[in-house]
Structures are given as C-alpha cells and as structure tokens.
Amino acid sequence: MPDDRWVPPTVLLAVDLVILTLRQSRLQVLLIQRGIEPYRGALALPGGFLSHDKEDLSAAAHRELSEEAGLGPDELHLEQLGFYGAPERDPRGRVVSAAYLAVAPRLPEPVPGTDASRACWMPVTQALAGESNLAFDHAEILTDGIHRAREKLERSALATAFCGPTFTISELQDVYEAVWGVTLDARNFYRKVQSVDGFIVAAGPTRKNVGGRPARLFRPGPRTILHPPMSRPQGPTSQEAT
C-alpha cells in the first residue's frame, strides 16, 4: 500500500529591506555589496535568513538592517511590502522572502557588517539601470517599493518629513518631484496643496529666495492622511525612474 502521508516541502524564509531616502534632492536606496556567494560582489538590498525558528519577521528585518547597514530600530519604521517566492529566485533552494519598506528623511551613512562588504546609498534610477545587476529578484522588489513610496506621498503627509521645521511650497514640491520622478507645474501644485485642509499651515514670516523674491513659510499641519489625495500626474511631464 503506498505511503500517502504528506511531507512538507523544505522552504527557507528570509527578509529583504527597501530603505529609501532623499539625498542631494534625489530618491536613493540603501544597497549592500554581497561578501559571500551566491552573487558575491553584486549589489543587493539588505536582508537575510531568519536566525532561528522562533524569530519574528519584523525582528529579523530590524536585525538584518542593524547587522548589514548599522541602522537601528529607533531610526526608522519598517512596514511590510509583500512576499516574494518565485521557485528560482534563489540558487540555494526554495526561499520565500518577506520584504519590508521604510521611507525616512536624514538617514546616516550606512556601516557594512556580517556578509556585506560595502553599504551605500544609490539613486534609484542608477540602482535599476541594467549595469547595476542587482542580485536575486531585488530589482523587482525595489520597483515595488518605489511604487509604494509614491503612493504614500499621494495619500499621506510623509513629504513634509523631508523638509525642515519650516519650508516653502517650492521646497515641498522638490520632495514630490524627487520621489515621483516627475516635473510638476508650480501653480497647479500650489493649488493642490492648499486644497487639502490641514496638510500644511502658515508659519509666520517670509523667506527671501535666491532671486530676491519673498516666499511664504509653512510647517506641517495636523492632517496625516490627505483627502483629497495629492494625485501623481501622468503624461509628457513625467520623468519616470522605473
């Protein structure tokens, strides 16, 4: 009589991290250079396997971020982006990865460790260019992370976190242009921002721009969820990063 007992497949569980920030007015991603096989020497997102069968996924994500880039849990909040489990995504065997996303301002220079020989910030356009050859399926994960970050700017007040305590409408527009990968019309942007009650509030005196014209200063308002959302434009003005 045949043995019909079900045998669970051997599946390894890992985490991968998409950490995005603005540097030099460009959307950049945290990458590490792998110091071990497979893909030794290739650029990749930070990440790795769970250390033991009782480790929580989010705990593993923060541990990998600390081990591979020297960033602690108090420096950014990770949210789950999705799961990636294509059968051939990892040459070591069947590996399913839980991907996490963080979009945060003013992140420090990364410090490589464990199996990473180098850690760096890189513009997302460069990271996704053909010559970068990200390891595994990390180009797909990064692309999904960028799309999620762009959606967050549409529906939340996240963009104000990348400005100073007070800022001009032009400085806020710079953030949207960098993350969205578009060129925005200044008048339309000003009108949209002002139409969202509680998004930003006036902050007193004006500031002189480079051209000498005064610009009104604002600070973040009490609203964290934007309604109506700041819809990202599509069309000939778009300069897509992906």
C-alpha atoms as a PDB file:
ATOM      1  CA  MET A   1       0.000   0.000   0.000  1.00  0.00           C
ATOM      2  CA  PRO A   2       1.551   3.357  -0.994  1.00  0.00           C
ATOM      3  CA  ASP A   3       2.523   5.793   1.723  1.00  0.00           C
ATOM      4  CA  ASP A   4       0.239   8.811   1.205  1.00  0.00           C
ATOM      5  CA  ARG A   5       1.482  10.753   4.181  1.00  0.00           C
ATOM      6  CA  TRP A   6       2.066  14.378   3.281  1.00  0.00           C
ATOM      7  CA  VAL A   7       5.645  15.591   3.631  1.00  0.00           C
ATOM      8  CA  PRO A   8       6.009  19.381   3.928  1.00  0.00           C
ATOM      9  CA  PRO A   9       8.387  20.927   1.388  1.00  0.00           C
ATOM     10  CA  THR A  10      11.652  22.428   2.543  1.00  0.00           C
ATOM     11  CA  VAL A  11      11.225  26.196   2.326  1.00  0.00           C
ATOM     12  CA  LEU A  12      13.597  28.760   3.797  1.00  0.00           C
ATOM     13  CA  LEU A  13      12.269  32.112   4.999  1.00  0.00           C
ATOM     14  CA  ALA A  14      14.180  35.359   4.548  1.00  0.00           C
ATOM     15  CA  VAL A  15      13.648  39.118   4.771  1.00  0.00           C
ATOM     16  CA  ASP A  16      14.664  41.841   2.308  1.00  0.00           C
ATOM     17  CA  LEU A  17      14.646  45.571   3.018  1.00  0.00           C
ATOM     18  CA  VAL A  18      13.837  48.520   0.750  1.00  0.00           C
ATOM     19  CA  ILE A  19      15.136  51.606   2.572  1.00  0.00           C
ATOM     20  CA  LEU A  20      14.509  54.858   0.686  1.00  0.00           C
ATOM     21  CA  THR A  21      15.525  58.424   1.474  1.00  0.00           C
ATOM     22  CA  LEU A  22      16.275  61.727  -0.263  1.00  0.00           C
ATOM     23  CA  ARG A  23      19.904  62.716  -0.703  1.00  0.00           C
ATOM     24  CA  GLN A  24      21.122  65.533  -2.967  1.00  0.00           C
ATOM     25  CA  SER A  25      17.458  66.023  -3.967  1.00  0.00           C
ATOM     26  CA  ARG A  26      17.301  62.506  -5.429  1.00  0.00           C
ATOM     27  CA  LEU A  27      15.410  59.428  -4.295  1.00  0.00           C
ATOM     28  CA  GLN A  28      18.050  56.945  -3.148  1.00  0.00           C
ATOM     29  CA  VAL A  29      18.033  53.364  -1.905  1.00  0.00           C
ATOM     30  CA  LEU A  30      20.244  51.596   0.604  1.00  0.00           C
ATOM     31  CA  LEU A  31      22.282  48.821  -1.050  1.00  0.00           C
ATOM     32  CA  ILE A  32      24.944  46.437   0.166  1.00  0.00           C
ATOM     33  CA  GLN A  33      27.667  44.649  -1.768  1.00  0.00           C
ATOM     34  CA  ARG A  34      27.471  40.952  -1.061  1.00  0.00           C
ATOM     35  CA  GLY A  35      30.586  39.485   0.506  1.00  0.00           C
ATOM     36  CA  ILE A  36      29.546  35.838   0.117  1.00  0.00           C
ATOM     37  CA  GLU A  37      28.107  33.537  -2.550  1.00  0.00           C
ATOM     38  CA  PRO A  38      25.758  33.480  -4.311  1.00  0.00           C
ATOM     39  CA  TYR A  39      26.220  36.755  -6.201  1.00  0.00           C
ATOM     40  CA  ARG A  40      29.408  37.598  -4.350  1.00  0.00           C
ATOM     41  CA  GLY A  41      30.426  41.161  -5.227  1.00  0.00           C
ATOM     42  CA  ALA A  42      26.978  42.070  -6.588  1.00  0.00           C
ATOM     43  CA  LEU A  43      24.812  44.850  -5.216  1.00  0.00           C
ATOM     44  CA  ALA A  44      21.706  43.793  -3.313  1.00  0.00           C
ATOM     45  CA  LEU A  45      19.091  45.002  -0.888  1.00  0.00           C
ATOM     46  CA  PRO A  46      19.962  44.392   2.767  1.00  0.00           C
ATOM     47  CA  GLY A  47      18.459  41.193   4.115  1.00  0.00           C
ATOM     48  CA  GLY A  48      18.990  37.591   5.081  1.00  0.00           C
ATOM     49  CA  PHE A  49      17.530  34.457   6.606  1.00  0.00           C
ATOM     50  CA  LEU A  50      15.717  34.230   9.919  1.00  0.00           C
ATOM     51  CA  SER A  51      18.258  33.328  12.580  1.00  0.00           C
ATOM     52  CA  HIS A  52      16.061  30.707  14.291  1.00  0.00           C
ATOM     53  CA  ASP A  53      12.553  29.263  14.037  1.00  0.00           C
ATOM     54  CA  LYS A  54      11.160  31.483  16.798  1.00  0.00           C
ATOM     55  CA  GLU A  55      12.373  34.811  15.380  1.00  0.00           C
ATOM     56  CA  ASP A  56       9.582  37.183  14.356  1.00  0.00           C
ATOM     57  CA  LEU A  57       9.704  38.515  10.789  1.00  0.00           C
ATOM     58  CA  SER A  58       9.839  42.172  11.816  1.00  0.00           C
ATOM     59  CA  ALA A  59      12.522  41.383  14.398  1.00  0.00           C
ATOM     60  CA  ALA A  60      14.552  39.650  11.695  1.00  0.00           C
ATOM     61  CA  ALA A  61      14.164  42.676   9.421  1.00  0.00           C
ATOM     62  CA  HIS A  62      15.456  45.066  12.079  1.00  0.00           C
ATOM     63  CA  ARG A  63      18.282  42.673  12.970  1.00  0.00           C
ATOM     64  CA  GLU A  64      19.412  42.451   9.339  1.00  0.00           C
ATOM     65  CA  LEU A  65      19.239  46.224   8.996  1.00  0.00           C
ATOM     66  CA  SER A  66      21.485  46.603  12.017  1.00  0.00           C
ATOM     67  CA  GLU A  67      23.912  43.846  11.011  1.00  0.00           C
ATOM     68  CA  GLU A  68      24.289  44.796   7.346  1.00  0.00           C
ATOM     69  CA  ALA A  69      23.979  48.589   7.439  1.00  0.00           C
ATOM     70  CA  GLY A  70      24.392  49.689  11.056  1.00  0.00           C
ATOM     71  CA  LEU A  71      20.905  51.266  11.274  1.00  0.00           C
ATOM     72  CA  GLY A  72      18.958  50.717  14.485  1.00  0.00           C
ATOM     73  CA  PRO A  73      15.195  50.258  15.039  1.00  0.00           C
ATOM     74  CA  ASP A  74      14.911  53.746  16.559  1.00  0.00           C
ATOM     75  CA  GLU A  75      15.997  55.353  13.271  1.00  0.00           C
ATOM     76  CA  LEU A  76      13.134  54.207  11.052  1.00  0.00           C
ATOM     77  CA  HIS A  77       9.839  52.346  10.964  1.00  0.00           C
ATOM     78  CA  LEU A  78       9.557  49.286   8.714  1.00  0.00           C
ATOM     79  CA  GLU A  79       6.280  48.300   7.070  1.00  0.00           C
ATOM     80  CA  GLN A  80       5.658  45.073   5.232  1.00  0.00           C
ATOM     81  CA  LEU A  81       5.822  45.461   1.467  1.00  0.00           C
ATOM     82  CA  GLY A  82       4.966  41.928   0.306  1.00  0.00           C
ATOM     83  CA  PHE A  83       6.144  38.343  -0.129  1.00  0.00           C
ATOM     84  CA  TYR A  84       8.329  37.046  -2.959  1.00  0.00           C
ATOM     85  CA  GLY A  85       8.519  33.333  -3.618  1.00  0.00           C
ATOM     86  CA  ALA A  86       9.261  32.510  -7.250  1.00  0.00           C
ATOM     87  CA  PRO A  87      10.765  28.979  -7.325  1.00  0.00           C
ATOM     88  CA  GLU A  88      14.038  30.039  -8.968  1.00  0.00           C
ATOM     89  CA  ARG A  89      14.596  33.354  -7.163  1.00  0.00           C
ATOM     90  CA  ASP A  90      17.483  31.973  -5.078  1.00  0.00           C
ATOM     91  CA  PRO A  91      20.026  29.398  -6.359  1.00  0.00           C
ATOM     92  CA  ARG A  92      20.443  27.977  -2.841  1.00  0.00           C
ATOM     93  CA  GLY A  93      16.969  26.434  -2.844  1.00  0.00           C
ATOM     94  CA  ARG A  94      13.338  27.359  -2.307  1.00  0.00           C
ATOM     95  CA  VAL A  95      13.446  30.693  -0.465  1.00  0.00           C
ATOM     96  CA  VAL A  96      10.449  32.891   0.288  1.00  0.00           C
ATOM     97  CA  SER A  97      11.260  36.459   1.270  1.00  0.00           C
ATOM     98  CA  ALA A  98       9.177  38.907   3.274  1.00  0.00           C
ATOM     99  CA  ALA A  99      10.069  42.373   2.008  1.00  0.00           C
ATOM    100  CA  TYR A 100       9.874  45.467   4.203  1.00  0.00           C
ATOM    101  CA  LEU A 101       9.833  49.142   3.252  1.00  0.00           C
ATOM    102  CA  ALA A 102      10.949  52.298   5.029  1.00  0.00           C
ATOM    103  CA  VAL A 103      10.875  55.830   3.627  1.00  0.00           C
ATOM    104  CA  ALA A 104      12.602  58.211   6.008  1.00  0.00           C
ATOM    105  CA  PRO A 105      14.479  61.542   5.978  1.00  0.00           C
ATOM    106  CA  ARG A 106      18.009  62.328   7.101  1.00  0.00           C
ATOM    107  CA  LEU A 107      19.282  58.756   7.392  1.00  0.00           C
ATOM    108  CA  PRO A 108      23.007  58.438   8.208  1.00  0.00           C
ATOM    109  CA  GLU A 109      25.741  56.834   6.172  1.00  0.00           C
ATOM    110  CA  PRO A 110      25.401  53.043   6.382  1.00  0.00           C
ATOM    111  CA  VAL A 111      28.024  50.852   8.026  1.00  0.00           C
ATOM    112  CA  PRO A 112      28.533  47.397   6.449  1.00  0.00           C
ATOM    113  CA  GLY A 113      28.775  44.251   8.545  1.00  0.00           C
ATOM    114  CA  THR A 114      28.330  40.449   8.618  1.00  0.00           C
ATOM    115  CA  ASP A 115      28.096  39.220   4.988  1.00  0.00           C
ATOM    116  CA  ALA A 116      28.132  42.720   3.433  1.00  0.00           C
ATOM    117  CA  SER A 117      31.493  44.033   2.247  1.00  0.00           C
ATOM    118  CA  ARG A 118      30.121  47.504   1.483  1.00  0.00           C
ATOM    119  CA  ALA A 119      26.963  49.512   2.131  1.00  0.00           C
ATOM    120  CA  CYS A 120      25.979  52.667   0.279  1.00  0.00           C
ATOM    121  CA  TRP A 121      23.193  54.960  -0.824  1.00  0.00           C
ATOM    122  CA  MET A 122      22.482  54.925  -4.568  1.00  0.00           C
ATOM    123  CA  PRO A 123      19.960  56.846  -6.720  1.00  0.00           C
ATOM    124  CA  VAL A 124      17.107  54.500  -7.602  1.00  0.00           C
ATOM    125  CA  THR A 125      17.479  55.274 -11.307  1.00  0.00           C
ATOM    126  CA  GLN A 126      21.060  54.042 -11.149  1.00  0.00           C
ATOM    127  CA  ALA A 127      20.188  51.023  -8.986  1.00  0.00           C
ATOM    128  CA  LEU A 128      17.605  49.886 -11.529  1.00  0.00           C
ATOM    129  CA  ALA A 129      19.794  50.543 -14.561  1.00  0.00           C
ATOM    130  CA  GLY A 130      20.968  47.450 -16.441  1.00  0.00           C
ATOM    131  CA  GLU A 131      24.586  47.812 -15.422  1.00  0.00           C
ATOM    132  CA  SER A 132      23.847  47.590 -11.689  1.00  0.00           C
ATOM    133  CA  ASN A 133      22.660  43.945 -11.934  1.00  0.00           C
ATOM    134  CA  LEU A 134      21.012  43.692  -8.531  1.00  0.00           C
ATOM    135  CA  ALA A 135      21.227  40.195  -7.054  1.00  0.00           C
ATOM    136  CA  PHE A 136      18.308  37.755  -6.870  1.00  0.00           C
ATOM    137  CA  ASP A 137      14.959  39.407  -7.736  1.00  0.00           C
ATOM    138  CA  HIS A 138      15.861  42.601  -5.899  1.00  0.00           C
ATOM    139  CA  ALA A 139      15.176  44.813  -8.911  1.00  0.00           C
ATOM    140  CA  GLU A 140      11.548  43.641  -8.794  1.00  0.00           C
ATOM    141  CA  ILE A 141      11.329  44.205  -5.027  1.00  0.00           C
ATOM    142  CA  LEU A 142      12.893  47.672  -5.335  1.00  0.00           C
ATOM    143  CA  THR A 143      10.485  48.617  -8.129  1.00  0.00           C
ATOM    144  CA  ASP A 144       7.536  47.598  -5.951  1.00  0.00           C
ATOM    145  CA  GLY A 145       8.980  49.592  -3.053  1.00  0.00           C
ATOM    146  CA  ILE A 146       9.305  52.728  -5.174  1.00  0.00           C
ATOM    147  CA  HIS A 147       5.692  52.416  -6.317  1.00  0.00           C
ATOM    148  CA  ARG A 148       4.552  52.032  -2.691  1.00  0.00           C
ATOM    149  CA  ALA A 149       6.590  55.100  -1.652  1.00  0.00           C
ATOM    150  CA  ARG A 150       4.997  57.161  -4.418  1.00  0.00           C
ATOM    151  CA  GLU A 151       1.546  56.084  -3.276  1.00  0.00           C
ATOM    152  CA  LYS A 152       2.399  57.058   0.304  1.00  0.00           C
ATOM    153  CA  LEU A 153       3.149  60.600  -0.845  1.00  0.00           C
ATOM    154  CA  GLU A 154      -0.216  60.721  -2.598  1.00  0.00           C
ATOM    155  CA  ARG A 155      -2.232  59.717   0.448  1.00  0.00           C
ATOM    156  CA  SER A 156      -0.175  60.819   3.469  1.00  0.00           C
ATOM    157  CA  ALA A 157       1.708  63.868   4.709  1.00  0.00           C
ATOM    158  CA  LEU A 158       5.025  61.983   4.529  1.00  0.00           C
ATOM    159  CA  ALA A 159       6.583  64.580   2.192  1.00  0.00           C
ATOM    160  CA  THR A 160       6.705  67.206   4.948  1.00  0.00           C
ATOM    161  CA  ALA A 161       9.076  64.974   6.953  1.00  0.00           C
ATOM    162  CA  PHE A 162      11.739  65.553   4.287  1.00  0.00           C
ATOM    163  CA  CYS A 163      11.558  69.330   4.733  1.00  0.00           C
ATOM    164  CA  GLY A 164      12.895  71.428   7.582  1.00  0.00           C
ATOM    165  CA  PRO A 165      10.746  72.608  10.530  1.00  0.00           C
ATOM    166  CA  THR A 166       9.554  75.387   8.220  1.00  0.00           C
ATOM    167  CA  PHE A 167       9.615  75.236   4.443  1.00  0.00           C
ATOM    168  CA  THR A 168       8.370  76.885   1.286  1.00  0.00           C
ATOM    169  CA  ILE A 169       5.884  75.418  -1.175  1.00  0.00           C
ATOM    170  CA  SER A 170       8.761  75.175  -3.649  1.00  0.00           C
ATOM    171  CA  GLU A 171      10.798  73.039  -1.223  1.00  0.00           C
ATOM    172  CA  LEU A 172       7.812  70.751  -0.679  1.00  0.00           C
ATOM    173  CA  GLN A 173       7.392  70.486  -4.448  1.00  0.00           C
ATOM    174  CA  ASP A 174      11.038  69.434  -4.741  1.00  0.00           C
ATOM    175  CA  VAL A 175      10.287  66.436  -2.497  1.00  0.00           C
ATOM    176  CA  TYR A 176       7.329  65.336  -4.610  1.00  0.00           C
ATOM    177  CA  GLU A 177       9.306  65.710  -7.822  1.00  0.00           C
ATOM    178  CA  ALA A 178      12.212  63.660  -6.467  1.00  0.00           C
ATOM    179  CA  VAL A 179      10.063  60.778  -5.215  1.00  0.00           C
ATOM    180  CA  TRP A 180       7.511  60.767  -8.019  1.00  0.00           C
ATOM    181  CA  GLY A 181      10.090  61.224 -10.763  1.00  0.00           C
ATOM    182  CA  VAL A 182       8.084  63.972 -12.452  1.00  0.00           C
ATOM    183  CA  THR A 183       8.281  67.690 -13.203  1.00  0.00           C
ATOM    184  CA  LEU A 184       5.320  69.481 -11.631  1.00  0.00           C
ATOM    185  CA  ASP A 185       3.678  72.726 -12.641  1.00  0.00           C
ATOM    186  CA  ALA A 186       4.264  75.143  -9.748  1.00  0.00           C
ATOM    187  CA  ARG A 187       0.854  76.827  -9.931  1.00  0.00           C
ATOM    188  CA  ASN A 188      -1.070  73.562 -10.070  1.00  0.00           C
ATOM    189  CA  PHE A 189       0.990  72.138  -7.209  1.00  0.00           C
ATOM    190  CA  TYR A 190       0.377  75.208  -5.040  1.00  0.00           C
ATOM    191  CA  ARG A 191      -3.361  74.959  -5.703  1.00  0.00           C
ATOM    192  CA  LYS A 192      -3.478  71.249  -4.869  1.00  0.00           C
ATOM    193  CA  VAL A 193      -1.518  71.661  -1.638  1.00  0.00           C
ATOM    194  CA  GLN A 194      -3.756  74.484  -0.471  1.00  0.00           C
ATOM    195  CA  SER A 195      -6.891  72.472  -1.293  1.00  0.00           C
ATOM    196  CA  VAL A 196      -6.037  69.800   1.313  1.00  0.00           C
ATOM    197  CA  ASP A 197      -7.231  71.227   4.607  1.00  0.00           C
ATOM    198  CA  GLY A 198      -4.730  70.743   7.441  1.00  0.00           C
ATOM    199  CA  PHE A 199      -1.888  69.451   5.225  1.00  0.00           C
ATOM    200  CA  ILE A 200       0.345  72.483   5.832  1.00  0.00           C
ATOM    201  CA  VAL A 201      -0.191  75.676   7.821  1.00  0.00           C
ATOM    202  CA  ALA A 202       1.345  79.142   7.595  1.00  0.00           C
ATOM    203  CA  ALA A 203       4.436  79.619   9.762  1.00  0.00           C
ATOM    204  CA  GLY A 204       4.858  83.373  10.128  1.00  0.00           C
ATOM    205  CA  PRO A 205       7.459  85.486   8.305  1.00  0.00           C
ATOM    206  CA  THR A 206       8.562  85.079   4.709  1.00  0.00           C
ATOM    207  CA  ARG A 207      11.947  83.953   3.435  1.00  0.00           C
ATOM    208  CA  LYS A 208      13.856  85.539   0.576  1.00  0.00           C
ATOM    209  CA  ASN A 209      14.618  83.203  -2.299  1.00  0.00           C
ATOM    210  CA  VAL A 210      17.808  83.258  -4.362  1.00  0.00           C
ATOM    211  CA  GLY A 211      16.158  85.642  -6.822  1.00  0.00           C
ATOM    212  CA  GLY A 212      15.292  88.029  -4.018  1.00  0.00           C
ATOM    213  CA  ARG A 213      11.540  87.429  -4.046  1.00  0.00           C
ATOM    214  CA  PRO A 214       9.966  86.651  -0.651  1.00  0.00           C
ATOM    215  CA  ALA A 215       8.379  83.211  -0.198  1.00  0.00           C
ATOM    216  CA  ARG A 216       5.817  82.263   2.441  1.00  0.00           C
ATOM    217  CA  LEU A 217       6.892  79.753   5.064  1.00  0.00           C
ATOM    218  CA  PHE A 218       4.822  76.781   6.173  1.00  0.00           C
ATOM    219  CA  ARG A 219       5.047  73.937   8.664  1.00  0.00           C
ATOM    220  CA  PRO A 220       3.350  70.513   8.784  1.00  0.00           C
ATOM    221  CA  GLY A 221      -0.315  70.674   9.679  1.00  0.00           C
ATOM    222  CA  PRO A 222      -2.317  68.283  11.871  1.00  0.00           C
ATOM    223  CA  ARG A 223      -3.558  66.117   8.993  1.00  0.00           C
ATOM    224  CA  THR A 224      -1.583  62.915   8.340  1.00  0.00           C
ATOM    225  CA  ILE A 225      -3.962  61.311   5.808  1.00  0.00           C
ATOM    226  CA  LEU A 226      -4.591  63.522   2.779  1.00  0.00           C
ATOM    227  CA  HIS A 227      -8.116  63.932   1.436  1.00  0.00           C
ATOM    228  CA  PRO A 228      -8.354  64.553  -1.392  1.00  0.00           C
ATOM    229  CA  PRO A 229      -5.050  62.806  -2.159  1.00  0.00           C
ATOM    230  CA  MET A 230      -2.179  64.526  -3.964  1.00  0.00           C
ATOM    231  CA  SER A 231      -2.623  62.547  -7.179  1.00  0.00           C
ATOM    232  CA  ARG A 232       0.570  61.904  -9.112  1.00  0.00           C
ATOM    233  CA  PRO A 233       0.322  63.277 -12.671  1.00  0.00           C
ATOM    234  CA  GLN A 234       0.791  61.092 -15.732  1.00  0.00           C
ATOM    235  CA  GLY A 235       1.748  62.173 -19.221  1.00  0.00           C
ATOM    236  CA  PRO A 236       4.510  64.051 -21.029  1.00  0.00           C
ATOM    237  CA  THR A 237       5.740  65.874 -17.906  1.00  0.00           C
ATOM    238  CA  SER A 238       6.517  62.572 -16.204  1.00  0.00           C
ATOM    239  CA  GLN A 239      10.184  61.583 -15.953  1.00  0.00           C
ATOM    240  CA  GLU A 240       9.766  58.044 -14.724  1.00  0.00           C
ATOM    241  CA  ALA A 241      12.518  56.435 -12.650  1.00  0.00           C
ATOM    242  CA  THR A 242      11.108  52.981 -13.362  1.00  0.00           C
END
